[in-house]
Protein backbone atom coordinates (compact mmCIF):
# COMPACT_ATOMS: atom_id res chain seq x y z
CA MET A 1 -172.62 -164.91 -16.43
CA ALA A 2 -170.53 -162.13 -15.35
CA THR A 3 -168.34 -161.76 -12.45
CA LEU A 4 -166.99 -158.08 -11.22
CA ILE A 5 -163.63 -158.50 -9.54
CA CYS A 6 -162.97 -155.75 -7.54
CA GLY A 7 -159.33 -155.38 -6.83
CA SER A 8 -156.00 -153.74 -7.75
CA LEU A 9 -154.15 -153.63 -11.30
CA ALA A 10 -150.30 -153.29 -10.71
CA PHE A 11 -146.86 -153.82 -11.86
CA ASP A 12 -144.93 -156.28 -9.85
CA THR A 13 -141.25 -156.22 -9.99
CA ILE A 14 -140.21 -159.74 -8.59
CA MET A 15 -136.56 -160.70 -7.36
CA ASN A 16 -135.30 -163.45 -6.42
CA PHE A 17 -132.85 -163.54 -3.20
CA GLU A 18 -131.29 -167.09 -3.30
CA GLY A 19 -130.38 -167.67 0.39
CA LYS A 20 -132.64 -167.56 3.43
CA PHE A 21 -133.94 -164.10 4.69
CA ALA A 22 -133.63 -165.81 8.24
CA GLU A 23 -130.29 -166.46 7.80
CA GLN A 24 -129.81 -162.61 7.30
CA ILE A 25 -131.94 -161.07 10.18
CA LEU A 26 -130.83 -161.36 13.63
CA PRO A 27 -134.20 -161.68 15.86
CA ASP A 28 -132.41 -159.71 18.64
CA GLN A 29 -131.92 -156.94 16.32
CA LEU A 30 -134.80 -155.81 14.59
CA HIS A 31 -135.13 -152.69 16.50
CA ILE A 32 -131.94 -151.56 14.28
CA LEU A 33 -132.52 -153.65 11.59
CA ASN A 34 -130.39 -152.60 8.51
CA VAL A 35 -130.06 -155.19 5.90
CA SER A 36 -129.49 -155.51 2.23
CA PHE A 37 -130.19 -158.57 0.11
CA LEU A 38 -128.35 -159.43 -3.46
CA VAL A 39 -130.57 -160.12 -6.26
CA PRO A 40 -129.43 -161.59 -9.26
CA THR A 41 -132.70 -161.92 -11.24
CA LEU A 42 -135.25 -159.15 -11.48
CA ARG A 43 -138.27 -158.92 -13.61
CA ARG A 44 -141.26 -157.04 -14.24
CA ASP A 45 -144.98 -158.73 -14.72
CA PHE A 46 -148.45 -157.77 -15.17
CA GLY A 47 -149.94 -158.19 -11.61
CA GLY A 48 -152.42 -156.76 -8.99
CA CYS A 49 -155.32 -158.80 -7.74
CA ALA A 50 -157.63 -157.96 -10.03
CA GLY A 51 -155.82 -158.75 -13.09
CA ASN A 52 -154.03 -162.24 -11.76
CA ILE A 53 -157.82 -163.55 -10.82
CA ALA A 54 -159.52 -162.15 -14.31
CA TYR A 55 -156.31 -163.86 -16.03
CA ALA A 56 -157.19 -166.72 -14.13
CA LEU A 57 -160.63 -166.94 -14.48
CA LYS A 58 -160.41 -166.08 -18.42
CA LEU A 59 -158.11 -168.97 -19.07
CA LEU A 60 -160.99 -171.74 -17.20
CA GLY A 61 -163.51 -169.93 -19.95
CA GLY A 62 -165.19 -167.53 -17.18
CA SER A 63 -166.50 -164.04 -17.97
CA PRO A 64 -164.36 -161.81 -15.73
CA LEU A 65 -164.88 -157.77 -15.29
CA PRO A 66 -162.44 -156.33 -13.32
CA VAL A 67 -163.33 -153.27 -10.86
CA ALA A 68 -159.92 -151.30 -10.86
CA THR A 69 -158.14 -148.44 -11.71
CA LEU A 70 -154.76 -147.83 -13.87
CA GLY A 71 -152.30 -145.01 -13.60
CA ASN A 72 -150.56 -142.66 -16.06
CA ASP A 73 -148.42 -145.75 -17.11
CA GLY A 74 -151.11 -148.10 -17.72
CA ALA A 75 -151.90 -148.13 -21.37
CA GLY A 76 -149.74 -150.97 -21.94
CA TYR A 77 -152.12 -152.85 -19.09
CA LEU A 78 -155.28 -152.21 -20.60
CA GLN A 79 -154.05 -153.17 -24.27
CA ARG A 80 -153.11 -156.55 -22.43
CA LEU A 81 -156.27 -156.89 -21.25
CA ARG A 82 -158.15 -156.73 -24.00
CA ASP A 83 -155.74 -158.76 -26.10
CA LEU A 84 -156.58 -161.68 -23.46
CA GLY A 85 -160.40 -160.82 -24.30
CA ILE A 86 -160.94 -159.09 -21.02
CA ALA A 87 -163.42 -156.47 -20.64
CA THR A 88 -162.26 -152.90 -19.37
CA ASP A 89 -165.43 -151.58 -18.92
CA TYR A 90 -165.02 -150.73 -15.27
CA VAL A 91 -161.16 -150.32 -15.61
CA ARG A 92 -160.33 -146.29 -14.79
CA GLN A 93 -157.28 -144.77 -16.12
CA ILE A 94 -156.13 -141.53 -13.84
CA GLU A 95 -153.31 -139.39 -15.09
CA GLU A 96 -152.20 -137.54 -12.00
CA THR A 97 -150.28 -140.49 -10.56
CA TYR A 98 -148.79 -143.89 -11.34
CA THR A 99 -150.21 -147.66 -11.33
CA ALA A 100 -149.88 -149.53 -8.05
CA GLN A 101 -146.46 -150.92 -7.83
CA ALA A 102 -145.38 -154.05 -5.99
CA LEU A 103 -141.81 -154.81 -5.67
CA ILE A 104 -141.66 -158.16 -4.48
CA MET A 105 -138.33 -160.23 -3.09
CA THR A 106 -138.88 -164.13 -2.56
CA ASP A 107 -135.98 -166.06 -1.12
CA ARG A 108 -134.61 -169.65 -1.01
CA ASP A 109 -137.95 -171.13 0.78
CA ASN A 110 -140.72 -169.13 -0.79
CA ASN A 111 -140.55 -166.86 1.64
CA GLN A 112 -141.69 -163.40 0.22
CA ILE A 113 -140.78 -159.55 1.69
CA THR A 114 -143.22 -157.06 -0.07
CA ALA A 115 -143.32 -153.14 -0.84
CA PHE A 116 -146.49 -152.01 -2.52
CA HIS A 117 -147.15 -148.63 -3.64
CA PRO A 118 -150.82 -148.11 -4.20
CA GLY A 119 -150.80 -145.45 -6.53
CA ALA A 120 -153.75 -144.86 -8.67
CA MET A 121 -155.49 -147.93 -6.62
CA MET A 122 -156.02 -145.13 -3.86
CA GLN A 123 -159.08 -144.00 -6.26
CA ALA A 124 -160.82 -146.85 -6.90
CA HIS A 125 -163.64 -146.10 -4.85
CA VAL A 126 -165.04 -143.67 -7.23
CA THR A 127 -166.18 -146.66 -9.25
CA GLN A 128 -169.41 -147.64 -8.38
CA ILE A 129 -171.22 -151.12 -8.40
CA LYS A 130 -174.82 -151.24 -9.60
CA ALA A 131 -176.91 -153.84 -10.27
CA GLN A 132 -176.87 -154.59 -14.06
CA PRO A 133 -178.20 -157.67 -16.04
CA GLY A 134 -175.52 -160.50 -16.83
CA ILE A 135 -173.58 -159.85 -13.51
CA GLN A 136 -174.45 -162.27 -10.80
CA LEU A 137 -171.21 -162.70 -8.79
CA GLY A 138 -168.50 -160.47 -7.50
CA ILE A 139 -165.28 -160.34 -5.23
CA ILE A 140 -163.55 -158.00 -3.06
CA SER A 141 -159.65 -158.45 -3.02
CA PRO A 142 -157.17 -156.17 -1.81
CA ASP A 143 -157.86 -152.78 -2.62
CA GLY A 144 -158.02 -148.65 -1.34
CA ARG A 145 -159.59 -149.28 1.96
CA ASP A 146 -162.60 -147.08 0.85
CA ALA A 147 -163.33 -148.71 -2.22
CA MET A 148 -163.27 -152.45 -0.16
CA VAL A 149 -165.73 -150.27 2.06
CA GLN A 150 -167.83 -149.09 -0.28
CA HIS A 151 -167.69 -152.07 -2.90
CA ALA A 152 -169.16 -154.28 -0.18
CA GLU A 153 -172.23 -151.91 0.21
CA GLN A 154 -172.60 -151.47 -3.32
CA PHE A 155 -172.53 -155.59 -3.58
CA LYS A 156 -174.83 -155.88 -0.69
CA ALA A 157 -177.52 -153.20 -2.09
CA ALA A 158 -177.21 -154.20 -5.57
CA ASP A 159 -178.23 -158.12 -4.47
CA ILE A 160 -174.81 -159.31 -5.50
CA PRO A 161 -173.51 -162.32 -3.70
CA PHE A 162 -169.30 -161.98 -3.28
CA VAL A 163 -166.26 -163.25 -2.18
CA PHE A 164 -164.83 -161.20 0.81
CA ASP A 165 -161.00 -161.85 -0.08
CA PRO A 166 -159.30 -159.43 2.28
CA GLY A 167 -155.38 -160.85 1.82
CA GLN A 168 -153.00 -158.40 2.40
CA GLY A 169 -155.24 -155.94 2.88
CA LEU A 170 -156.81 -157.55 6.10
CA PRO A 171 -154.61 -155.62 8.60
CA MET A 172 -155.98 -152.16 7.56
CA PHE A 173 -159.34 -152.78 9.18
CA ASN A 174 -160.38 -153.89 12.81
CA GLY A 175 -162.41 -156.46 13.89
CA ASP A 176 -165.63 -154.50 13.74
CA GLU A 177 -164.72 -153.53 10.31
CA LEU A 178 -164.10 -157.32 9.12
CA ALA A 179 -167.58 -158.67 11.01
CA SER A 180 -169.15 -156.33 8.83
CA PHE A 181 -167.37 -157.61 5.19
CA ILE A 182 -168.67 -161.14 6.79
CA GLU A 183 -171.88 -160.49 7.42
CA GLN A 184 -172.45 -158.52 4.14
CA ALA A 185 -170.25 -161.33 1.94
CA SER A 186 -171.84 -164.63 0.62
CA TRP A 187 -168.54 -166.49 0.77
CA VAL A 188 -165.02 -165.48 2.41
CA THR A 189 -161.54 -166.93 1.37
CA VAL A 190 -158.50 -166.62 3.21
CA ASN A 191 -154.74 -168.27 3.37
CA ASP A 192 -154.02 -169.68 6.75
CA TYR A 193 -152.07 -166.85 8.27
CA GLU A 194 -154.90 -164.59 7.26
CA GLY A 195 -157.40 -167.04 8.79
CA LYS A 196 -155.77 -166.64 11.97
CA MET A 197 -155.48 -163.26 11.88
CA LEU A 198 -159.36 -162.99 10.95
CA SER A 199 -160.34 -164.96 13.73
CA ASP A 200 -158.21 -163.10 16.45
CA ARG A 201 -159.66 -159.88 15.24
CA THR A 202 -163.42 -160.85 14.69
CA GLY A 203 -163.34 -163.21 18.00
CA TRP A 204 -165.16 -165.78 15.89
CA SER A 205 -163.61 -168.99 15.21
CA HIS A 206 -163.12 -170.54 11.47
CA ALA A 207 -166.81 -172.55 12.38
CA GLU A 208 -168.26 -169.63 13.42
CA ILE A 209 -167.35 -167.24 10.37
CA SER A 210 -168.66 -170.43 7.81
CA LYS A 211 -172.16 -170.32 10.35
CA ARG A 212 -172.46 -166.30 8.89
CA VAL A 213 -171.78 -167.08 5.38
CA LYS A 214 -172.45 -169.86 2.73
CA GLY A 215 -168.93 -171.33 3.06
CA LEU A 216 -164.84 -170.37 4.25
CA ILE A 217 -162.39 -171.34 2.36
CA VAL A 218 -159.04 -171.06 3.66
CA THR A 219 -155.69 -172.17 1.85
CA LEU A 220 -153.17 -174.03 3.22
CA GLY A 221 -150.58 -173.87 0.34
CA ALA A 222 -148.88 -177.01 -0.37
CA GLU A 223 -151.21 -179.04 2.47
CA GLY A 224 -154.27 -178.30 0.02
CA SER A 225 -157.17 -176.11 1.36
CA GLU A 226 -160.17 -176.57 4.10
CA VAL A 227 -163.79 -175.97 3.06
CA TRP A 228 -165.95 -174.95 5.70
CA VAL A 229 -169.69 -174.78 5.59
CA ASP A 230 -172.37 -174.41 8.25
CA GLY A 231 -169.40 -175.06 11.28
CA GLU A 232 -168.02 -177.98 9.63
CA LYS A 233 -165.11 -178.92 7.75
CA THR A 234 -163.51 -180.46 5.03
CA LEU A 235 -159.73 -181.27 3.97
CA VAL A 236 -159.64 -180.77 0.09
CA ALA A 237 -156.28 -182.83 -0.95
CA PRO A 238 -153.40 -180.80 -2.37
CA VAL A 239 -152.06 -181.22 -6.11
CA LYS A 240 -148.23 -181.50 -6.61
CA ALA A 241 -146.77 -179.30 -8.56
CA SER A 242 -144.23 -180.19 -11.17
CA ALA A 243 -141.90 -177.52 -9.87
CA VAL A 244 -142.06 -175.24 -7.20
CA ILE A 245 -140.58 -171.97 -9.08
CA ASP A 246 -142.18 -168.96 -8.23
CA PRO A 247 -145.38 -168.82 -5.65
CA THR A 248 -146.23 -164.91 -6.92
CA GLY A 249 -150.04 -164.90 -7.71
CA CYS A 250 -150.88 -168.30 -6.52
CA GLY A 251 -153.51 -167.09 -4.28
CA ASP A 252 -154.76 -165.29 -6.97
CA ALA A 253 -155.00 -168.26 -9.25
CA TYR A 254 -156.71 -170.35 -6.67
CA ARG A 255 -159.47 -167.51 -6.47
CA GLY A 256 -159.97 -167.43 -10.09
CA ALA A 257 -160.83 -171.37 -9.97
CA LEU A 258 -163.57 -170.49 -6.93
CA LEU A 259 -165.34 -168.22 -9.02
CA PHE A 260 -165.33 -170.12 -12.22
CA GLY A 261 -166.66 -172.89 -9.90
CA LEU A 262 -169.34 -170.34 -8.14
CA GLU A 263 -170.24 -169.27 -11.80
CA LYS A 264 -171.04 -172.99 -12.82
CA GLY A 265 -172.97 -173.66 -9.36
CA TRP A 266 -170.22 -176.31 -8.13
CA THR A 267 -170.29 -176.99 -4.38
CA LEU A 268 -167.36 -175.24 -2.54
CA ALA A 269 -165.62 -178.49 -2.22
CA ARG A 270 -165.54 -179.16 -6.09
CA CYS A 271 -164.43 -175.58 -6.36
CA ALA A 272 -161.50 -176.14 -3.91
CA ALA A 273 -160.26 -178.84 -6.05
CA LEU A 274 -160.12 -176.72 -9.26
CA GLY A 275 -158.38 -173.92 -6.90
CA ASN A 276 -155.50 -176.58 -5.83
CA GLN A 277 -154.84 -177.59 -9.38
CA LEU A 278 -154.83 -174.30 -10.61
CA GLY A 279 -152.56 -172.80 -8.05
CA SER A 280 -150.04 -176.23 -8.59
CA LEU A 281 -149.91 -174.93 -12.17
CA LYS A 282 -149.17 -171.44 -11.63
CA ILE A 283 -146.12 -172.22 -8.95
CA ALA A 284 -144.54 -173.87 -11.72
CA GLN A 285 -144.28 -170.81 -13.51
CA ARG A 286 -142.69 -167.24 -13.18
CA GLY A 287 -145.10 -164.35 -12.83
CA PRO A 288 -148.80 -164.01 -11.82
CA GLN A 289 -149.88 -163.93 -15.16
CA ASN A 290 -147.22 -166.09 -17.52
CA TYR A 291 -149.26 -169.98 -16.62
CA THR A 292 -151.71 -171.27 -19.28
CA VAL A 293 -154.02 -174.42 -18.75
CA ASP A 294 -155.23 -177.70 -20.36
CA LEU A 295 -158.76 -177.81 -19.90
CA LYS A 296 -159.16 -181.20 -20.81
CA ALA A 297 -156.41 -182.12 -18.15
CA LEU A 298 -158.76 -180.43 -15.99
CA GLY A 299 -161.88 -182.16 -16.72
CA LEU A 300 -163.34 -178.78 -17.89
């Protein structure tokens, strides 16, 4: 069974600020904000939600099919996917623009400030999703606005169950639009901050959202995750990381594990437990696609 992963492919420029953002930003002066952060270390990684999720799912032995768009600088990323054994049937290149770029700055407390240039991602809606043999699952992660809307409709029309993972794309949508995504999806996954925003905009509590889908998964970082099914909450215990190095891509690693479990027909609680494990492995390594897994140690 293959899983369509709709989302971005991007280059991540990751910088580390050795202080705390809170010590540099004056709350009463936000209207004239003018700050500069010294970042002694900088690196460029392969990233984007679709790429990161596909990487995690492939590591676990799943079958990811990224649905994404690269720009005229994306040849190296395309080759990387192929070298990893990830099929690129649904990855397109556009010559008129750059690949999406994320510039991510992390402070000493693992708070992050991100600037994102969408580039080729804004043409992601051109690729259409249709029912095909062997494709039985999908996910909509942050992508171009039109792509997220249209792919949700196409998943529904093709009768392909999918996970709605709005992530940093959530603020693009109002309450009615988010409600429409939820009504079309089979599962919803958010972090705790996104979960509060989702509830605020739709007017639905976590319990109410979970009654409209097969399940709602809320990640809580170091506190583990919540699984909501039919209005009932289960707390899935966290897995302590060997080191806390870089949070970039932890949520995507978790989602790769979620998709792997759904491919296998697991319960959501078991999916979440594997997600907690993979997130703890990822945070101990720099970059969103540089960690490895020991399948035996994960019980797979």
